[in-house]
Amino acid sequence: MDHIDRKIMSILHENARITVSEMSRMIAMSQPAVTERLRKLEEREVITGYRAKISPSKLGMYTTAFILFKSNNCKEFETFSEASLEIVDLYRTSGEYNYLLKVVTETSESLETFLETCNAFGFSTTLVVLSTRFEDKCLVVSQEASNVIHSIGKEEYGK
């Protein structure tokens, strides 16, 4: 993967609906060359899909929480989690807790009701999100941006 592939992925991260012709203009490459690079990134499963970003608040979901969950019956809890509309992300973790969940609900009261339902599967600790500084940060940065980030870190922390 070279800097052009990284630029393509960065552009797609910002706007997955961008046309190949617009992207080709942005990176000064022909449309067939960009199309071929996209195809290869998809074949290698570097790009695994394209999605719309949906605003929970526009759907009436105003409460977000992260829940550390400890279960003695992981399979049963995973089945429950897959069916639960409130759970948007589920991570298997090491340590005292088996799982980290990201949950979105309408209100703190509906979060409480959800947590009471979860009690049948184990024990939890809940962290309610007060605000979000950033989310879904792009995993791909260009070499130039990486150099800038590292130089800022060195200046700021003397490393």
N, C-alpha and C. Protein backbone atom coordinates (compact mmCIF):
# COMPACT_ATOMS: atom_id res chain seq x y z
N MET A 1 0.84 -1.17 0.00
CA MET A 1 0.00 0.00 0.00
C MET A 1 0.89 1.24 0.00
N ASP A 2 0.66 2.13 -0.94
CA ASP A 2 1.48 3.33 -1.04
C ASP A 2 0.67 4.57 -0.65
N HIS A 3 1.29 5.73 -0.81
CA HIS A 3 0.65 6.98 -0.40
C HIS A 3 -0.61 7.27 -1.22
N ILE A 4 -0.68 6.79 -2.44
CA ILE A 4 -1.88 7.02 -3.26
C ILE A 4 -3.05 6.19 -2.71
N ASP A 5 -2.79 4.93 -2.37
CA ASP A 5 -3.84 4.11 -1.76
C ASP A 5 -4.32 4.75 -0.46
N ARG A 6 -3.39 5.27 0.33
CA ARG A 6 -3.76 5.92 1.59
C ARG A 6 -4.61 7.17 1.34
N LYS A 7 -4.26 7.91 0.31
CA LYS A 7 -5.04 9.10 -0.03
C LYS A 7 -6.44 8.71 -0.48
N ILE A 8 -6.55 7.66 -1.28
CA ILE A 8 -7.86 7.17 -1.73
C ILE A 8 -8.71 6.78 -0.53
N MET A 9 -8.12 6.04 0.40
CA MET A 9 -8.89 5.61 1.58
C MET A 9 -9.27 6.78 2.47
N SER A 10 -8.40 7.76 2.58
CA SER A 10 -8.70 8.96 3.36
C SER A 10 -9.87 9.73 2.75
N ILE A 11 -9.84 9.87 1.44
CA ILE A 11 -10.93 10.56 0.73
C ILE A 11 -12.24 9.81 0.93
N LEU A 12 -12.21 8.48 0.80
CA LEU A 12 -13.42 7.68 0.99
C LEU A 12 -13.93 7.75 2.42
N HIS A 13 -13.02 7.84 3.37
CA HIS A 13 -13.44 7.94 4.77
C HIS A 13 -14.23 9.23 4.99
N GLU A 14 -13.82 10.30 4.33
CA GLU A 14 -14.52 11.58 4.46
C GLU A 14 -15.83 11.60 3.68
N ASN A 15 -15.85 10.91 2.52
CA ASN A 15 -17.04 10.93 1.68
C ASN A 15 -17.10 9.65 0.85
N ALA A 16 -17.81 8.65 1.35
CA ALA A 16 -17.89 7.36 0.65
C ALA A 16 -18.72 7.44 -0.62
N ARG A 17 -19.43 8.55 -0.83
CA ARG A 17 -20.27 8.71 -2.02
C ARG A 17 -19.56 9.46 -3.14
N ILE A 18 -18.30 9.81 -2.94
CA ILE A 18 -17.57 10.56 -3.96
C ILE A 18 -17.47 9.72 -5.24
N THR A 19 -17.55 10.39 -6.36
CA THR A 19 -17.44 9.67 -7.64
C THR A 19 -15.97 9.39 -7.93
N VAL A 20 -15.74 8.37 -8.74
CA VAL A 20 -14.38 8.04 -9.13
C VAL A 20 -13.78 9.19 -9.93
N SER A 21 -14.58 9.84 -10.76
CA SER A 21 -14.05 10.96 -11.55
C SER A 21 -13.61 12.12 -10.64
N GLU A 22 -14.38 12.42 -9.62
CA GLU A 22 -14.00 13.49 -8.70
C GLU A 22 -12.74 13.10 -7.91
N MET A 23 -12.70 11.86 -7.48
CA MET A 23 -11.51 11.38 -6.75
C MET A 23 -10.28 11.41 -7.64
N SER A 24 -10.43 11.02 -8.88
CA SER A 24 -9.28 11.00 -9.80
C SER A 24 -8.74 12.42 -10.02
N ARG A 25 -9.64 13.40 -10.04
CA ARG A 25 -9.19 14.80 -10.16
C ARG A 25 -8.43 15.23 -8.90
N MET A 26 -8.90 14.81 -7.74
CA MET A 26 -8.29 15.22 -6.48
C MET A 26 -6.86 14.68 -6.33
N ILE A 27 -6.63 13.48 -6.87
CA ILE A 27 -5.30 12.87 -6.70
C ILE A 27 -4.50 12.85 -8.01
N ALA A 28 -5.02 13.52 -9.01
CA ALA A 28 -4.34 13.65 -10.30
C ALA A 28 -3.96 12.30 -10.92
N MET A 29 -4.97 11.43 -11.01
CA MET A 29 -4.81 10.12 -11.67
C MET A 29 -5.98 9.90 -12.60
N SER A 30 -5.81 9.02 -13.56
CA SER A 30 -6.90 8.71 -14.48
C SER A 30 -7.99 7.91 -13.74
N GLN A 31 -9.20 8.00 -14.26
CA GLN A 31 -10.32 7.25 -13.67
C GLN A 31 -10.06 5.73 -13.69
N PRO A 32 -9.57 5.18 -14.82
CA PRO A 32 -9.30 3.74 -14.80
C PRO A 32 -8.25 3.34 -13.76
N ALA A 33 -7.24 4.18 -13.55
CA ALA A 33 -6.21 3.86 -12.55
C ALA A 33 -6.80 3.87 -11.14
N VAL A 34 -7.65 4.86 -10.85
CA VAL A 34 -8.29 4.93 -9.52
C VAL A 34 -9.24 3.75 -9.35
N THR A 35 -10.00 3.43 -10.38
CA THR A 35 -10.93 2.28 -10.32
C THR A 35 -10.18 0.99 -10.04
N GLU A 36 -9.04 0.81 -10.70
CA GLU A 36 -8.23 -0.39 -10.50
C GLU A 36 -7.69 -0.46 -9.06
N ARG A 37 -7.23 0.67 -8.55
CA ARG A 37 -6.74 0.70 -7.16
C ARG A 37 -7.86 0.37 -6.17
N LEU A 38 -9.05 0.93 -6.40
CA LEU A 38 -10.20 0.63 -5.55
C LEU A 38 -10.52 -0.86 -5.59
N ARG A 39 -10.53 -1.43 -6.79
CA ARG A 39 -10.83 -2.86 -6.94
C ARG A 39 -9.83 -3.70 -6.15
N LYS A 40 -8.55 -3.35 -6.25
CA LYS A 40 -7.51 -4.11 -5.53
C LYS A 40 -7.66 -3.96 -4.02
N LEU A 41 -7.98 -2.76 -3.55
CA LEU A 41 -8.18 -2.55 -2.11
C LEU A 41 -9.38 -3.35 -1.61
N GLU A 42 -10.42 -3.45 -2.43
CA GLU A 42 -11.59 -4.25 -2.06
C GLU A 42 -11.26 -5.74 -2.08
N GLU A 43 -10.55 -6.20 -3.12
CA GLU A 43 -10.16 -7.62 -3.21
C GLU A 43 -9.31 -8.05 -2.03
N ARG A 44 -8.39 -7.19 -1.60
CA ARG A 44 -7.52 -7.50 -0.47
C ARG A 44 -8.22 -7.29 0.87
N GLU A 45 -9.49 -6.85 0.80
CA GLU A 45 -10.33 -6.59 1.97
C GLU A 45 -9.75 -5.51 2.88
N VAL A 46 -8.98 -4.58 2.28
CA VAL A 46 -8.56 -3.39 3.00
C VAL A 46 -9.79 -2.50 3.15
N ILE A 47 -10.55 -2.36 2.06
CA ILE A 47 -11.86 -1.69 2.09
C ILE A 47 -12.89 -2.80 2.19
N THR A 48 -13.66 -2.79 3.28
CA THR A 48 -14.63 -3.87 3.51
C THR A 48 -16.08 -3.44 3.30
N GLY A 49 -16.31 -2.16 3.02
CA GLY A 49 -17.67 -1.71 2.78
C GLY A 49 -17.76 -0.20 2.72
N TYR A 50 -18.94 0.27 2.37
CA TYR A 50 -19.23 1.70 2.28
C TYR A 50 -20.50 1.93 3.07
N ARG A 51 -20.52 2.99 3.92
CA ARG A 51 -21.67 3.20 4.80
C ARG A 51 -22.08 4.66 4.85
N ALA A 52 -23.34 4.85 5.24
CA ALA A 52 -23.83 6.19 5.56
C ALA A 52 -23.64 6.40 7.06
N LYS A 53 -23.27 7.58 7.45
CA LYS A 53 -23.14 7.92 8.86
C LYS A 53 -24.48 8.51 9.29
N ILE A 54 -25.09 7.91 10.29
CA ILE A 54 -26.43 8.28 10.73
C ILE A 54 -26.36 8.97 12.08
N SER A 55 -27.06 10.07 12.23
CA SER A 55 -27.08 10.84 13.46
C SER A 55 -28.09 10.24 14.44
N PRO A 56 -27.61 9.68 15.57
CA PRO A 56 -28.55 9.12 16.55
C PRO A 56 -29.58 10.15 17.05
N SER A 57 -29.14 11.39 17.27
CA SER A 57 -30.06 12.40 17.80
C SER A 57 -31.20 12.70 16.83
N LYS A 58 -30.95 12.60 15.54
CA LYS A 58 -32.01 12.83 14.55
C LYS A 58 -33.03 11.69 14.56
N LEU A 59 -32.64 10.57 15.17
CA LEU A 59 -33.55 9.43 15.31
C LEU A 59 -34.17 9.38 16.71
N GLY A 60 -33.93 10.44 17.50
CA GLY A 60 -34.49 10.50 18.85
C GLY A 60 -33.68 9.75 19.88
N MET A 61 -32.44 9.42 19.56
CA MET A 61 -31.57 8.69 20.49
C MET A 61 -30.56 9.68 21.06
N TYR A 62 -30.75 10.10 22.32
CA TYR A 62 -29.96 11.17 22.89
C TYR A 62 -28.96 10.72 23.96
N THR A 63 -29.02 9.46 24.35
CA THR A 63 -28.14 8.97 25.41
C THR A 63 -27.22 7.89 24.88
N THR A 64 -25.91 8.12 25.01
CA THR A 64 -24.91 7.13 24.61
C THR A 64 -24.14 6.72 25.85
N ALA A 65 -23.87 5.42 25.96
CA ALA A 65 -23.11 4.92 27.11
C ALA A 65 -22.19 3.80 26.65
N PHE A 66 -21.08 3.67 27.39
CA PHE A 66 -20.20 2.52 27.22
C PHE A 66 -20.39 1.68 28.47
N ILE A 67 -20.55 0.39 28.26
CA ILE A 67 -20.83 -0.51 29.38
C ILE A 67 -19.79 -1.62 29.41
N LEU A 68 -19.14 -1.74 30.54
CA LEU A 68 -18.25 -2.88 30.78
C LEU A 68 -19.13 -3.98 31.35
N PHE A 69 -19.08 -5.15 30.71
CA PHE A 69 -20.01 -6.22 31.10
C PHE A 69 -19.26 -7.51 31.42
N LYS A 70 -19.66 -8.13 32.52
CA LYS A 70 -19.08 -9.41 32.93
C LYS A 70 -20.19 -10.45 32.92
N SER A 71 -20.01 -11.47 32.09
CA SER A 71 -21.02 -12.51 31.94
C SER A 71 -20.41 -13.88 32.19
N ASN A 72 -21.20 -14.76 32.80
CA ASN A 72 -20.77 -16.15 32.97
C ASN A 72 -21.24 -17.03 31.81
N ASN A 73 -22.16 -16.50 31.01
CA ASN A 73 -22.67 -17.25 29.86
C ASN A 73 -22.50 -16.38 28.61
N CYS A 74 -21.31 -16.42 28.04
CA CYS A 74 -20.98 -15.52 26.93
C CYS A 74 -21.84 -15.76 25.69
N LYS A 75 -22.09 -17.01 25.35
CA LYS A 75 -22.88 -17.31 24.13
C LYS A 75 -24.28 -16.73 24.25
N GLU A 76 -24.91 -16.93 25.41
CA GLU A 76 -26.25 -16.40 25.63
C GLU A 76 -26.25 -14.86 25.58
N PHE A 77 -25.23 -14.26 26.18
CA PHE A 77 -25.14 -12.80 26.17
C PHE A 77 -24.91 -12.28 24.76
N GLU A 78 -24.09 -12.96 23.98
CA GLU A 78 -23.85 -12.53 22.60
C GLU A 78 -25.12 -12.63 21.76
N THR A 79 -25.91 -13.67 21.97
CA THR A 79 -27.19 -13.82 21.27
C THR A 79 -28.12 -12.67 21.63
N PHE A 80 -28.20 -12.36 22.93
CA PHE A 80 -29.00 -11.22 23.39
C PHE A 80 -28.50 -9.93 22.75
N SER A 81 -27.19 -9.74 22.71
CA SER A 81 -26.59 -8.50 22.18
C SER A 81 -26.89 -8.31 20.70
N GLU A 82 -26.82 -9.39 19.93
CA GLU A 82 -27.11 -9.30 18.50
C GLU A 82 -28.56 -8.86 18.26
N ALA A 83 -29.47 -9.30 19.12
CA ALA A 83 -30.89 -8.97 18.96
C ALA A 83 -31.24 -7.60 19.54
N SER A 84 -30.40 -7.07 20.42
CA SER A 84 -30.69 -5.81 21.10
C SER A 84 -30.48 -4.62 20.17
N LEU A 85 -31.50 -3.80 20.01
CA LEU A 85 -31.40 -2.62 19.16
C LEU A 85 -30.54 -1.53 19.79
N GLU A 86 -30.41 -1.53 21.11
CA GLU A 86 -29.65 -0.49 21.81
C GLU A 86 -28.14 -0.65 21.63
N ILE A 87 -27.67 -1.88 21.47
CA ILE A 87 -26.24 -2.13 21.36
C ILE A 87 -25.79 -1.91 19.92
N VAL A 88 -24.93 -0.91 19.73
CA VAL A 88 -24.45 -0.61 18.38
C VAL A 88 -23.05 -1.17 18.13
N ASP A 89 -22.27 -1.40 19.18
CA ASP A 89 -20.94 -2.01 19.07
C ASP A 89 -20.74 -2.96 20.24
N LEU A 90 -20.13 -4.10 19.97
CA LEU A 90 -19.84 -5.09 21.00
C LEU A 90 -18.43 -5.60 20.80
N TYR A 91 -17.61 -5.46 21.85
CA TYR A 91 -16.22 -5.88 21.79
C TYR A 91 -15.98 -6.93 22.87
N ARG A 92 -15.30 -8.01 22.53
CA ARG A 92 -14.85 -9.01 23.50
C ARG A 92 -13.54 -8.49 24.06
N THR A 93 -13.42 -8.45 25.38
CA THR A 93 -12.25 -7.85 26.01
C THR A 93 -11.57 -8.82 26.97
N SER A 94 -10.34 -8.47 27.33
CA SER A 94 -9.61 -9.23 28.35
C SER A 94 -9.77 -8.49 29.67
N GLY A 95 -9.38 -9.14 30.75
CA GLY A 95 -9.45 -8.50 32.06
C GLY A 95 -10.68 -8.93 32.82
N GLU A 96 -11.06 -8.10 33.77
CA GLU A 96 -12.17 -8.44 34.67
C GLU A 96 -13.50 -8.57 33.93
N TYR A 97 -13.70 -7.75 32.89
CA TYR A 97 -14.95 -7.76 32.15
C TYR A 97 -14.76 -8.50 30.83
N ASN A 98 -15.82 -9.21 30.40
CA ASN A 98 -15.77 -9.97 29.14
C ASN A 98 -16.01 -9.09 27.92
N TYR A 99 -16.79 -8.01 28.10
CA TYR A 99 -17.27 -7.23 26.96
C TYR A 99 -17.24 -5.74 27.24
N LEU A 100 -17.12 -4.98 26.15
CA LEU A 100 -17.35 -3.55 26.16
C LEU A 100 -18.44 -3.29 25.14
N LEU A 101 -19.49 -2.63 25.55
CA LEU A 101 -20.63 -2.35 24.68
C LEU A 101 -20.74 -0.84 24.47
N LYS A 102 -21.11 -0.45 23.29
CA LYS A 102 -21.54 0.92 23.05
C LYS A 102 -23.04 0.85 22.85
N VAL A 103 -23.76 1.61 23.68
CA VAL A 103 -25.21 1.55 23.70
C VAL A 103 -25.77 2.93 23.42
N VAL A 104 -26.82 3.00 22.60
CA VAL A 104 -27.49 4.25 22.32
C VAL A 104 -28.97 4.08 22.64
N THR A 105 -29.50 4.98 23.47
CA THR A 105 -30.91 4.92 23.85
C THR A 105 -31.54 6.31 23.73
N GLU A 106 -32.85 6.34 23.86
CA GLU A 106 -33.56 7.62 23.76
C GLU A 106 -33.25 8.53 24.94
N THR A 107 -33.32 7.99 26.15
CA THR A 107 -33.17 8.79 27.37
C THR A 107 -32.37 8.01 28.40
N SER A 108 -32.04 8.68 29.50
CA SER A 108 -31.38 7.96 30.60
C SER A 108 -32.33 6.94 31.22
N GLU A 109 -33.62 7.21 31.18
CA GLU A 109 -34.60 6.25 31.69
C GLU A 109 -34.63 4.98 30.84
N SER A 110 -34.56 5.13 29.52
CA SER A 110 -34.55 3.94 28.67
C SER A 110 -33.22 3.21 28.79
N LEU A 111 -32.14 3.92 29.10
CA LEU A 111 -30.86 3.27 29.39
C LEU A 111 -31.00 2.43 30.66
N GLU A 112 -31.64 2.98 31.67
CA GLU A 112 -31.85 2.25 32.92
C GLU A 112 -32.65 0.96 32.67
N THR A 113 -33.70 1.05 31.87
CA THR A 113 -34.52 -0.13 31.54
C THR A 113 -33.67 -1.17 30.81
N PHE A 114 -32.84 -0.71 29.88
CA PHE A 114 -31.95 -1.63 29.16
C PHE A 114 -31.00 -2.33 30.13
N LEU A 115 -30.40 -1.56 31.06
CA LEU A 115 -29.46 -2.15 32.03
C LEU A 115 -30.14 -3.19 32.91
N GLU A 116 -31.38 -2.94 33.29
CA GLU A 116 -32.12 -3.91 34.09
C GLU A 116 -32.33 -5.21 33.31
N THR A 117 -32.54 -5.12 32.01
CA THR A 117 -32.68 -6.30 31.16
C THR A 117 -31.36 -7.07 31.11
N CYS A 118 -30.25 -6.33 31.07
CA CYS A 118 -28.93 -6.96 31.00
C CYS A 118 -28.57 -7.73 32.28
N ASN A 119 -29.15 -7.33 33.41
CA ASN A 119 -28.82 -7.97 34.69
C ASN A 119 -29.02 -9.49 34.67
N ALA A 120 -29.89 -9.97 33.80
CA ALA A 120 -30.13 -11.41 33.71
C ALA A 120 -28.90 -12.16 33.18
N PHE A 121 -27.98 -11.44 32.54
CA PHE A 121 -26.81 -12.07 31.93
C PHE A 121 -25.52 -11.84 32.69
N GLY A 122 -25.53 -10.97 33.70
CA GLY A 122 -24.31 -10.74 34.45
C GLY A 122 -24.28 -9.37 35.11
N PHE A 123 -23.07 -8.86 35.31
CA PHE A 123 -22.82 -7.63 36.04
C PHE A 123 -22.22 -6.59 35.11
N SER A 124 -22.56 -5.31 35.34
CA SER A 124 -22.04 -4.27 34.45
C SER A 124 -21.63 -3.01 35.21
N THR A 125 -20.77 -2.24 34.57
CA THR A 125 -20.41 -0.89 35.00
C THR A 125 -20.66 0.01 33.81
N THR A 126 -21.36 1.12 34.06
CA THR A 126 -21.79 1.99 32.96
C THR A 126 -21.09 3.34 33.01
N LEU A 127 -20.66 3.79 31.84
CA LEU A 127 -20.08 5.12 31.66
C LEU A 127 -20.96 5.87 30.67
N VAL A 128 -21.64 6.92 31.13
CA VAL A 128 -22.51 7.69 30.25
C VAL A 128 -21.68 8.76 29.55
N VAL A 129 -21.87 8.89 28.25
CA VAL A 129 -21.14 9.87 27.46
C VAL A 129 -21.77 11.25 27.68
N LEU A 130 -20.94 12.20 28.10
CA LEU A 130 -21.41 13.58 28.28
C LEU A 130 -21.32 14.37 26.98
N SER A 131 -20.24 14.17 26.24
CA SER A 131 -20.08 14.79 24.92
C SER A 131 -19.04 13.99 24.15
N THR A 132 -19.03 14.18 22.86
CA THR A 132 -18.09 13.46 21.99
C THR A 132 -17.16 14.46 21.34
N ARG A 133 -15.87 14.30 21.57
CA ARG A 133 -14.87 15.18 20.97
C ARG A 133 -14.59 14.79 19.52
N PHE A 134 -14.43 13.50 19.27
CA PHE A 134 -14.35 12.99 17.91
C PHE A 134 -14.72 11.52 17.94
N GLU A 135 -15.06 11.01 16.76
CA GLU A 135 -15.51 9.63 16.65
C GLU A 135 -15.17 9.14 15.25
N ASP A 136 -14.91 7.87 15.12
CA ASP A 136 -14.62 7.27 13.81
C ASP A 136 -13.48 7.97 13.08
N LYS A 137 -12.41 8.26 13.81
CA LYS A 137 -11.26 8.93 13.21
C LYS A 137 -10.67 8.03 12.13
N CYS A 138 -10.23 8.64 11.07
CA CYS A 138 -9.66 7.90 9.94
C CYS A 138 -8.39 7.16 10.39
N LEU A 139 -8.30 5.90 10.06
CA LEU A 139 -7.13 5.08 10.41
C LEU A 139 -5.95 5.33 9.49
N VAL A 140 -6.22 5.96 8.36
CA VAL A 140 -5.19 6.16 7.35
C VAL A 140 -4.75 7.61 7.35
N VAL A 141 -3.46 7.81 7.48
CA VAL A 141 -2.90 9.15 7.34
C VAL A 141 -1.77 9.08 6.32
N SER A 142 -1.57 10.17 5.64
CA SER A 142 -0.47 10.21 4.69
C SER A 142 0.85 10.27 5.44
N GLN A 143 1.93 9.94 4.77
CA GLN A 143 3.25 10.01 5.39
C GLN A 143 3.56 11.43 5.83
N GLU A 144 3.13 12.42 5.01
CA GLU A 144 3.38 13.82 5.36
C GLU A 144 2.67 14.18 6.66
N ALA A 145 1.40 13.78 6.80
CA ALA A 145 0.64 14.08 8.02
C ALA A 145 1.23 13.37 9.21
N SER A 146 1.70 12.15 9.01
CA SER A 146 2.33 11.40 10.09
C SER A 146 3.59 12.11 10.59
N ASN A 147 4.38 12.63 9.67
CA ASN A 147 5.59 13.36 10.05
C ASN A 147 5.25 14.62 10.85
N VAL A 148 4.20 15.32 10.43
CA VAL A 148 3.77 16.53 11.15
C VAL A 148 3.31 16.16 12.55
N ILE A 149 2.51 15.11 12.69
CA ILE A 149 2.00 14.67 13.99
C ILE A 149 3.16 14.32 14.92
N HIS A 150 4.12 13.58 14.41
CA HIS A 150 5.26 13.18 15.24
C HIS A 150 6.12 14.38 15.64
N SER A 151 6.28 15.35 14.74
CA SER A 151 7.09 16.52 15.08
C SER A 151 6.38 17.37 16.13
N ILE A 152 5.05 17.47 16.06
CA ILE A 152 4.29 18.21 17.07
C ILE A 152 4.44 17.53 18.42
N GLY A 153 4.35 16.20 18.44
CA GLY A 153 4.52 15.45 19.68
C GLY A 153 5.89 15.66 20.29
N LYS A 154 6.91 15.70 19.45
CA LYS A 154 8.28 15.90 19.93
C LYS A 154 8.43 17.29 20.53
N GLU A 155 7.86 18.29 19.86
CA GLU A 155 7.94 19.66 20.36
C GLU A 155 7.19 19.82 21.67
N GLU A 156 6.00 19.22 21.72
CA GLU A 156 5.14 19.40 22.88
C GLU A 156 5.63 18.64 24.10
N TYR A 157 6.19 17.47 23.90
CA TYR A 157 6.57 16.63 25.02
C TYR A 157 8.07 16.44 25.14
N GLY A 158 8.83 17.10 24.29
CA GLY A 158 10.29 17.05 24.36
C GLY A 158 10.87 15.68 24.10
N LYS A 159 10.21 14.91 23.25
CA LYS A 159 10.69 13.55 22.95
C LYS A 159 11.25 13.47 21.56
